[in-house]
Amino acid sequence: MKKKSLVFGWLLGMLVTGSAFVQTFDLEKSIAQGKEAYITQCQNCHMEDGKGMAGVFPPLEKADFLKRPLREVIRVILKGQSGDVTVNGVKYTGIMPAQDYLTDEQIADILNYVFNNWGNKIANPVLPSMVAKARD
């Protein structure tokens, strides 16, 4: 009996200690931080409502471009883009400068904000580790 109690106590202790290292991702916090970062980093071109500017800057609202593989979307933010891009059936020709000076967390937060607003709904949150991986 004493041995069972000792084993149970040890297992319980390991569970409690191990759970201290497990961090859950707070999507709502990320979206809120993403809104702030979007305002300062993205809003000038893509506008407050995500509708972009007709013929100049593509929309983020209900944007089919955002349904591309996540790594592609992240790389456009990191490396920028020039030339033609088609969003929602409309061709845009312009330059999006690289935003590689933003932190992994800022980019993840911006994407979580964009992916959860203006008619966009991407199921899984973007984590900073995903952005870090795309930097390689």
N, C-alpha and C. Protein backbone atom coordinates (compact mmCIF):
# COMPACT_ATOMS: atom_id res chain seq x y z
N MET A 1 0.82 -1.20 0.00
CA MET A 1 0.00 0.00 0.00
C MET A 1 0.86 1.26 0.00
N LYS A 2 1.91 1.24 0.81
CA LYS A 2 2.78 2.39 0.89
C LYS A 2 3.49 2.61 -0.45
N LYS A 3 3.85 1.51 -1.12
CA LYS A 3 4.53 1.60 -2.40
C LYS A 3 3.60 2.23 -3.46
N LYS A 4 2.32 1.86 -3.45
CA LYS A 4 1.35 2.43 -4.38
C LYS A 4 1.19 3.93 -4.15
N SER A 5 1.14 4.32 -2.89
CA SER A 5 1.01 5.74 -2.55
C SER A 5 2.23 6.52 -3.00
N LEU A 6 3.39 5.93 -2.84
CA LEU A 6 4.63 6.57 -3.24
C LEU A 6 4.68 6.75 -4.75
N VAL A 7 4.30 5.72 -5.50
CA VAL A 7 4.28 5.79 -6.96
C VAL A 7 3.25 6.82 -7.42
N PHE A 8 2.06 6.80 -6.81
CA PHE A 8 1.02 7.76 -7.16
C PHE A 8 1.50 9.19 -6.89
N GLY A 9 2.13 9.40 -5.76
CA GLY A 9 2.65 10.72 -5.40
C GLY A 9 3.70 11.18 -6.39
N TRP A 10 4.57 10.26 -6.80
CA TRP A 10 5.63 10.59 -7.76
C TRP A 10 5.01 10.97 -9.11
N LEU A 11 4.03 10.18 -9.57
CA LEU A 11 3.37 10.48 -10.84
C LEU A 11 2.63 11.82 -10.80
N LEU A 12 1.95 12.08 -9.71
CA LEU A 12 1.24 13.34 -9.55
C LEU A 12 2.23 14.51 -9.58
N GLY A 13 3.34 14.35 -8.89
CA GLY A 13 4.38 15.38 -8.87
C GLY A 13 4.94 15.65 -10.26
N MET A 14 5.15 14.59 -11.03
CA MET A 14 5.67 14.74 -12.40
C MET A 14 4.65 15.46 -13.28
N LEU A 15 3.39 15.13 -13.10
CA LEU A 15 2.34 15.76 -13.89
C LEU A 15 2.28 17.26 -13.60
N VAL A 16 2.30 17.63 -12.34
CA VAL A 16 2.24 19.03 -11.94
C VAL A 16 3.49 19.77 -12.43
N THR A 17 4.65 19.19 -12.26
CA THR A 17 5.89 19.81 -12.69
C THR A 17 5.92 19.95 -14.20
N GLY A 18 5.53 18.92 -14.90
CA GLY A 18 5.54 18.94 -16.36
C GLY A 18 4.57 19.95 -16.93
N SER A 19 3.42 20.11 -16.29
CA SER A 19 2.42 21.05 -16.81
C SER A 19 2.88 22.49 -16.65
N ALA A 20 3.82 22.75 -15.77
CA ALA A 20 4.35 24.10 -15.60
C ALA A 20 5.11 24.54 -16.84
N PHE A 21 5.61 23.60 -17.62
CA PHE A 21 6.38 23.92 -18.81
C PHE A 21 5.52 23.98 -20.06
N VAL A 22 4.29 23.55 -19.98
CA VAL A 22 3.40 23.57 -21.13
C VAL A 22 2.73 24.94 -21.19
N GLN A 23 2.91 25.62 -22.31
CA GLN A 23 2.29 26.91 -22.47
C GLN A 23 1.19 26.81 -23.52
N THR A 24 0.05 27.37 -23.21
CA THR A 24 -1.03 27.36 -24.18
C THR A 24 -0.97 28.66 -24.98
N PHE A 25 -1.39 28.60 -26.22
CA PHE A 25 -1.38 29.77 -27.08
C PHE A 25 -2.68 30.54 -26.88
N ASP A 26 -2.58 31.82 -26.62
CA ASP A 26 -3.73 32.68 -26.39
C ASP A 26 -4.06 33.42 -27.69
N LEU A 27 -4.96 32.84 -28.49
CA LEU A 27 -5.31 33.41 -29.79
C LEU A 27 -5.93 34.80 -29.64
N GLU A 28 -6.79 34.98 -28.67
CA GLU A 28 -7.44 36.29 -28.49
C GLU A 28 -6.41 37.38 -28.21
N LYS A 29 -5.41 37.06 -27.40
CA LYS A 29 -4.35 38.03 -27.11
C LYS A 29 -3.54 38.32 -28.38
N SER A 30 -3.25 37.27 -29.13
CA SER A 30 -2.50 37.43 -30.38
C SER A 30 -3.27 38.32 -31.36
N ILE A 31 -4.57 38.10 -31.48
CA ILE A 31 -5.39 38.92 -32.38
C ILE A 31 -5.38 40.38 -31.94
N ALA A 32 -5.51 40.63 -30.65
CA ALA A 32 -5.49 42.01 -30.13
C ALA A 32 -4.14 42.68 -30.41
N GLN A 33 -3.06 41.96 -30.18
CA GLN A 33 -1.72 42.49 -30.46
C GLN A 33 -1.55 42.67 -31.97
N GLY A 34 -2.12 41.76 -32.73
CA GLY A 34 -2.03 41.85 -34.18
C GLY A 34 -2.74 43.07 -34.74
N LYS A 35 -3.84 43.44 -34.12
CA LYS A 35 -4.56 44.64 -34.55
C LYS A 35 -3.68 45.87 -34.38
N GLU A 36 -3.02 45.96 -33.24
CA GLU A 36 -2.14 47.10 -32.98
C GLU A 36 -0.99 47.14 -33.98
N ALA A 37 -0.38 45.99 -34.24
CA ALA A 37 0.73 45.92 -35.19
C ALA A 37 0.24 46.21 -36.61
N TYR A 38 -0.95 45.72 -36.96
CA TYR A 38 -1.52 45.98 -38.28
C TYR A 38 -1.70 47.49 -38.49
N ILE A 39 -2.20 48.16 -37.49
CA ILE A 39 -2.44 49.61 -37.59
C ILE A 39 -1.15 50.34 -37.94
N THR A 40 -0.06 49.98 -37.31
CA THR A 40 1.19 50.70 -37.55
C THR A 40 1.97 50.18 -38.77
N GLN A 41 1.80 48.92 -39.14
CA GLN A 41 2.63 48.34 -40.18
C GLN A 41 1.93 48.12 -41.52
N CYS A 42 0.62 47.92 -41.53
CA CYS A 42 -0.07 47.45 -42.73
C CYS A 42 -1.20 48.36 -43.20
N GLN A 43 -1.79 49.08 -42.27
CA GLN A 43 -3.01 49.82 -42.55
C GLN A 43 -2.83 50.90 -43.61
N ASN A 44 -1.67 51.50 -43.72
CA ASN A 44 -1.48 52.57 -44.71
C ASN A 44 -1.78 52.10 -46.12
N CYS A 45 -1.48 50.85 -46.42
CA CYS A 45 -1.73 50.32 -47.77
C CYS A 45 -3.02 49.51 -47.85
N HIS A 46 -3.21 48.62 -46.90
CA HIS A 46 -4.35 47.70 -46.97
C HIS A 46 -5.61 48.27 -46.31
N MET A 47 -5.51 49.45 -45.75
CA MET A 47 -6.61 50.20 -45.18
C MET A 47 -7.15 49.58 -43.88
N GLU A 48 -7.80 50.43 -43.11
CA GLU A 48 -8.33 50.02 -41.80
C GLU A 48 -9.32 48.87 -41.92
N ASP A 49 -10.10 48.87 -43.00
CA ASP A 49 -11.13 47.85 -43.18
C ASP A 49 -10.65 46.64 -43.98
N GLY A 50 -9.36 46.62 -44.35
CA GLY A 50 -8.80 45.50 -45.09
C GLY A 50 -9.19 45.46 -46.55
N LYS A 51 -9.83 46.51 -47.05
CA LYS A 51 -10.31 46.51 -48.43
C LYS A 51 -9.23 46.93 -49.43
N GLY A 52 -8.07 47.34 -48.94
CA GLY A 52 -7.02 47.78 -49.85
C GLY A 52 -7.42 49.04 -50.58
N MET A 53 -6.74 49.30 -51.69
CA MET A 53 -7.04 50.47 -52.50
C MET A 53 -7.18 49.99 -53.94
N ALA A 54 -8.35 50.14 -54.49
CA ALA A 54 -8.65 49.61 -55.82
C ALA A 54 -7.57 49.96 -56.83
N GLY A 55 -7.08 48.94 -57.51
CA GLY A 55 -6.07 49.12 -58.55
C GLY A 55 -4.66 49.37 -58.05
N VAL A 56 -4.50 49.55 -56.75
CA VAL A 56 -3.17 49.88 -56.21
C VAL A 56 -2.70 48.83 -55.19
N PHE A 57 -3.45 48.69 -54.12
CA PHE A 57 -3.09 47.75 -53.06
C PHE A 57 -4.18 46.71 -52.91
N PRO A 58 -3.82 45.43 -52.95
CA PRO A 58 -4.85 44.38 -52.89
C PRO A 58 -5.54 44.32 -51.53
N PRO A 59 -6.78 43.84 -51.55
CA PRO A 59 -7.52 43.71 -50.30
C PRO A 59 -7.03 42.51 -49.49
N LEU A 60 -7.27 42.58 -48.20
CA LEU A 60 -7.09 41.44 -47.31
C LEU A 60 -8.45 40.89 -46.91
N GLU A 61 -9.48 41.68 -47.15
CA GLU A 61 -10.85 41.26 -46.87
C GLU A 61 -11.23 40.10 -47.78
N LYS A 62 -11.65 38.98 -47.19
CA LYS A 62 -12.07 37.80 -47.94
C LYS A 62 -11.08 37.47 -49.06
N ALA A 63 -9.82 37.62 -48.80
CA ALA A 63 -8.79 37.48 -49.82
C ALA A 63 -8.44 36.02 -50.08
N ASP A 64 -8.65 35.59 -51.32
CA ASP A 64 -8.27 34.22 -51.69
C ASP A 64 -6.76 34.00 -51.58
N PHE A 65 -6.00 35.07 -51.69
CA PHE A 65 -4.55 34.98 -51.56
C PHE A 65 -4.14 34.39 -50.21
N LEU A 66 -4.93 34.66 -49.18
CA LEU A 66 -4.61 34.18 -47.84
C LEU A 66 -4.83 32.68 -47.67
N LYS A 67 -5.44 32.06 -48.67
CA LYS A 67 -5.67 30.61 -48.61
C LYS A 67 -4.51 29.83 -49.20
N ARG A 68 -3.50 30.53 -49.64
CA ARG A 68 -2.28 29.87 -50.12
C ARG A 68 -1.61 29.18 -48.93
N PRO A 69 -0.64 28.30 -49.20
CA PRO A 69 0.08 27.70 -48.07
C PRO A 69 0.65 28.79 -47.15
N LEU A 70 0.53 28.56 -45.86
CA LEU A 70 0.93 29.56 -44.87
C LEU A 70 2.37 30.02 -45.07
N ARG A 71 3.25 29.10 -45.37
CA ARG A 71 4.66 29.47 -45.57
C ARG A 71 4.80 30.51 -46.69
N GLU A 72 4.01 30.40 -47.75
CA GLU A 72 4.04 31.37 -48.85
C GLU A 72 3.59 32.74 -48.37
N VAL A 73 2.51 32.77 -47.61
CA VAL A 73 1.99 34.04 -47.11
C VAL A 73 3.01 34.70 -46.18
N ILE A 74 3.60 33.93 -45.31
CA ILE A 74 4.62 34.46 -44.39
C ILE A 74 5.80 35.00 -45.19
N ARG A 75 6.24 34.27 -46.20
CA ARG A 75 7.40 34.69 -46.99
C ARG A 75 7.14 35.99 -47.74
N VAL A 76 5.90 36.22 -48.17
CA VAL A 76 5.59 37.51 -48.81
C VAL A 76 5.79 38.64 -47.81
N ILE A 77 5.38 38.43 -46.58
CA ILE A 77 5.59 39.46 -45.56
C ILE A 77 7.07 39.65 -45.29
N LEU A 78 7.79 38.57 -45.16
CA LEU A 78 9.22 38.65 -44.84
C LEU A 78 10.06 39.21 -45.97
N LYS A 79 9.81 38.74 -47.18
CA LYS A 79 10.67 39.07 -48.33
C LYS A 79 10.10 40.16 -49.22
N GLY A 80 8.82 40.46 -49.03
CA GLY A 80 8.19 41.43 -49.91
C GLY A 80 7.77 40.77 -51.22
N GLN A 81 7.23 41.59 -52.10
CA GLN A 81 6.76 41.06 -53.38
C GLN A 81 6.71 42.19 -54.39
N SER A 82 7.07 41.87 -55.62
CA SER A 82 6.93 42.85 -56.69
C SER A 82 6.37 42.16 -57.92
N GLY A 83 5.82 42.95 -58.81
CA GLY A 83 5.22 42.38 -60.00
C GLY A 83 3.74 42.12 -59.81
N ASP A 84 3.21 41.27 -60.67
CA ASP A 84 1.77 41.00 -60.66
C ASP A 84 1.38 40.02 -59.57
N VAL A 85 0.25 40.31 -58.95
CA VAL A 85 -0.38 39.38 -58.01
C VAL A 85 -1.89 39.50 -58.24
N THR A 86 -2.56 38.38 -58.26
CA THR A 86 -4.01 38.38 -58.44
C THR A 86 -4.67 38.02 -57.13
N VAL A 87 -5.57 38.88 -56.71
CA VAL A 87 -6.32 38.67 -55.47
C VAL A 87 -7.80 38.81 -55.80
N ASN A 88 -8.56 37.78 -55.48
CA ASN A 88 -10.00 37.76 -55.74
C ASN A 88 -10.32 38.09 -57.21
N GLY A 89 -9.47 37.58 -58.11
CA GLY A 89 -9.72 37.74 -59.54
C GLY A 89 -9.26 39.06 -60.13
N VAL A 90 -8.68 39.93 -59.33
CA VAL A 90 -8.22 41.24 -59.81
C VAL A 90 -6.69 41.26 -59.77
N LYS A 91 -6.07 41.71 -60.88
CA LYS A 91 -4.61 41.77 -60.95
C LYS A 91 -4.11 43.11 -60.39
N TYR A 92 -3.11 43.01 -59.53
CA TYR A 92 -2.45 44.19 -58.97
C TYR A 92 -0.98 44.12 -59.37
N THR A 93 -0.43 45.25 -59.76
CA THR A 93 0.98 45.32 -60.09
C THR A 93 1.59 46.38 -59.18
N GLY A 94 2.51 45.97 -58.37
CA GLY A 94 3.10 46.91 -57.45
C GLY A 94 4.19 46.26 -56.63
N ILE A 95 4.58 46.96 -55.61
CA ILE A 95 5.65 46.48 -54.74
C ILE A 95 5.16 46.48 -53.30
N MET A 96 5.35 45.36 -52.65
CA MET A 96 5.17 45.30 -51.20
C MET A 96 6.56 45.13 -50.62
N PRO A 97 7.02 46.10 -49.84
CA PRO A 97 8.37 45.99 -49.28
C PRO A 97 8.47 44.87 -48.24
N ALA A 98 9.66 44.34 -48.11
CA ALA A 98 9.93 43.31 -47.11
C ALA A 98 9.66 43.87 -45.72
N GLN A 99 9.09 43.04 -44.87
CA GLN A 99 8.80 43.42 -43.49
C GLN A 99 9.62 42.54 -42.54
N ASP A 100 10.81 42.14 -42.97
CA ASP A 100 11.61 41.20 -42.20
C ASP A 100 12.17 41.77 -40.90
N TYR A 101 12.01 43.05 -40.69
CA TYR A 101 12.43 43.67 -39.44
C TYR A 101 11.43 43.39 -38.31
N LEU A 102 10.22 42.95 -38.68
CA LEU A 102 9.23 42.61 -37.65
C LEU A 102 9.64 41.31 -36.96
N THR A 103 9.28 41.17 -35.72
CA THR A 103 9.60 39.94 -34.98
C THR A 103 8.68 38.81 -35.43
N ASP A 104 9.07 37.60 -35.12
CA ASP A 104 8.23 36.45 -35.42
C ASP A 104 6.86 36.59 -34.76
N GLU A 105 6.86 37.08 -33.53
CA GLU A 105 5.60 37.26 -32.81
C GLU A 105 4.73 38.32 -33.48
N GLN A 106 5.31 39.43 -33.91
CA GLN A 106 4.53 40.48 -34.57
C GLN A 106 3.88 39.96 -35.85
N ILE A 107 4.63 39.22 -36.65
CA ILE A 107 4.09 38.69 -37.90
C ILE A 107 2.98 37.68 -37.61
N ALA A 108 3.21 36.80 -36.65
CA ALA A 108 2.18 35.83 -36.28
C ALA A 108 0.92 36.55 -35.79
N ASP A 109 1.10 37.57 -34.98
CA ASP A 109 -0.04 38.32 -34.45
C ASP A 109 -0.81 39.03 -35.57
N ILE A 110 -0.09 39.66 -36.49
CA ILE A 110 -0.74 40.34 -37.62
C ILE A 110 -1.55 39.33 -38.43
N LEU A 111 -0.94 38.19 -38.72
CA LEU A 111 -1.66 37.18 -39.50
C LEU A 111 -2.87 36.64 -38.75
N ASN A 112 -2.75 36.45 -37.45
CA ASN A 112 -3.90 35.99 -36.67
C ASN A 112 -5.02 37.03 -36.70
N TYR A 113 -4.66 38.30 -36.66
CA TYR A 113 -5.65 39.37 -36.76
C TYR A 113 -6.33 39.35 -38.13
N VAL A 114 -5.52 39.33 -39.19
CA VAL A 114 -6.06 39.34 -40.56
C VAL A 114 -6.88 38.09 -40.84
N PHE A 115 -6.39 36.93 -40.39
CA PHE A 115 -7.07 35.66 -40.63
C PHE A 115 -8.39 35.53 -39.88
N ASN A 116 -8.65 36.44 -38.95
CA ASN A 116 -9.87 36.36 -38.15
C ASN A 116 -10.72 37.62 -38.25
N ASN A 117 -10.56 38.34 -39.34
CA ASN A 117 -11.33 39.57 -39.56
C ASN A 117 -11.72 39.68 -41.03
N TRP A 118 -12.67 40.56 -41.31
CA TRP A 118 -13.07 40.94 -42.67
C TRP A 118 -13.53 39.75 -43.50
N GLY A 119 -14.20 38.81 -42.88
CA GLY A 119 -14.72 37.67 -43.62
C GLY A 119 -13.72 36.55 -43.82
N ASN A 120 -12.52 36.69 -43.29
CA ASN A 120 -11.52 35.62 -43.36
C ASN A 120 -11.70 34.72 -42.15
N LYS A 121 -11.52 33.45 -42.34
CA LYS A 121 -11.54 32.53 -41.20
C LYS A 121 -10.61 31.38 -41.50
N ILE A 122 -9.42 31.47 -40.95
CA ILE A 122 -8.43 30.42 -41.08
C ILE A 122 -8.45 29.67 -39.74
N ALA A 123 -8.61 28.36 -39.81
CA ALA A 123 -8.88 27.56 -38.61
C ALA A 123 -7.76 27.56 -37.58
N ASN A 124 -6.54 27.36 -38.00
CA ASN A 124 -5.45 27.19 -37.04
C ASN A 124 -4.69 28.49 -36.83
N PRO A 125 -4.32 28.78 -35.59
CA PRO A 125 -3.56 30.01 -35.34
C PRO A 125 -2.15 29.92 -35.91
N VAL A 126 -1.60 31.07 -36.23
CA VAL A 126 -0.22 31.17 -36.68
C VAL A 126 0.63 31.38 -35.43
N LEU A 127 1.62 30.55 -35.26
CA LEU A 127 2.51 30.64 -34.10
C LEU A 127 3.82 31.30 -34.49
N PRO A 128 4.46 32.01 -33.57
CA PRO A 128 5.76 32.60 -33.89
C PRO A 128 6.78 31.57 -34.40
N SER A 129 6.71 30.36 -33.91
CA SER A 129 7.64 29.32 -34.37
C SER A 129 7.44 29.01 -35.84
N MET A 130 6.23 29.16 -36.36
CA MET A 130 5.96 28.95 -37.79
C MET A 130 6.63 30.04 -38.62
N VAL A 131 6.60 31.26 -38.11
CA VAL A 131 7.26 32.37 -38.81
C VAL A 131 8.76 32.17 -38.78
N ALA A 132 9.29 31.78 -37.65
CA ALA A 132 10.74 31.53 -37.54
C ALA A 132 11.18 30.47 -38.54
N LYS A 133 10.39 29.44 -38.69
CA LYS A 133 10.71 28.37 -39.64
C LYS A 133 10.72 28.88 -41.08
N ALA A 134 9.81 29.80 -41.40
CA ALA A 134 9.72 30.35 -42.76
C ALA A 134 10.86 31.31 -43.05
N ARG A 135 11.51 31.84 -42.02
CA ARG A 135 12.66 32.75 -42.23
C ARG A 135 13.85 32.02 -42.84
N ASP A 136 13.93 30.71 -42.60
CA ASP A 136 15.08 29.94 -43.07
C ASP A 136 15.14 29.85 -44.57
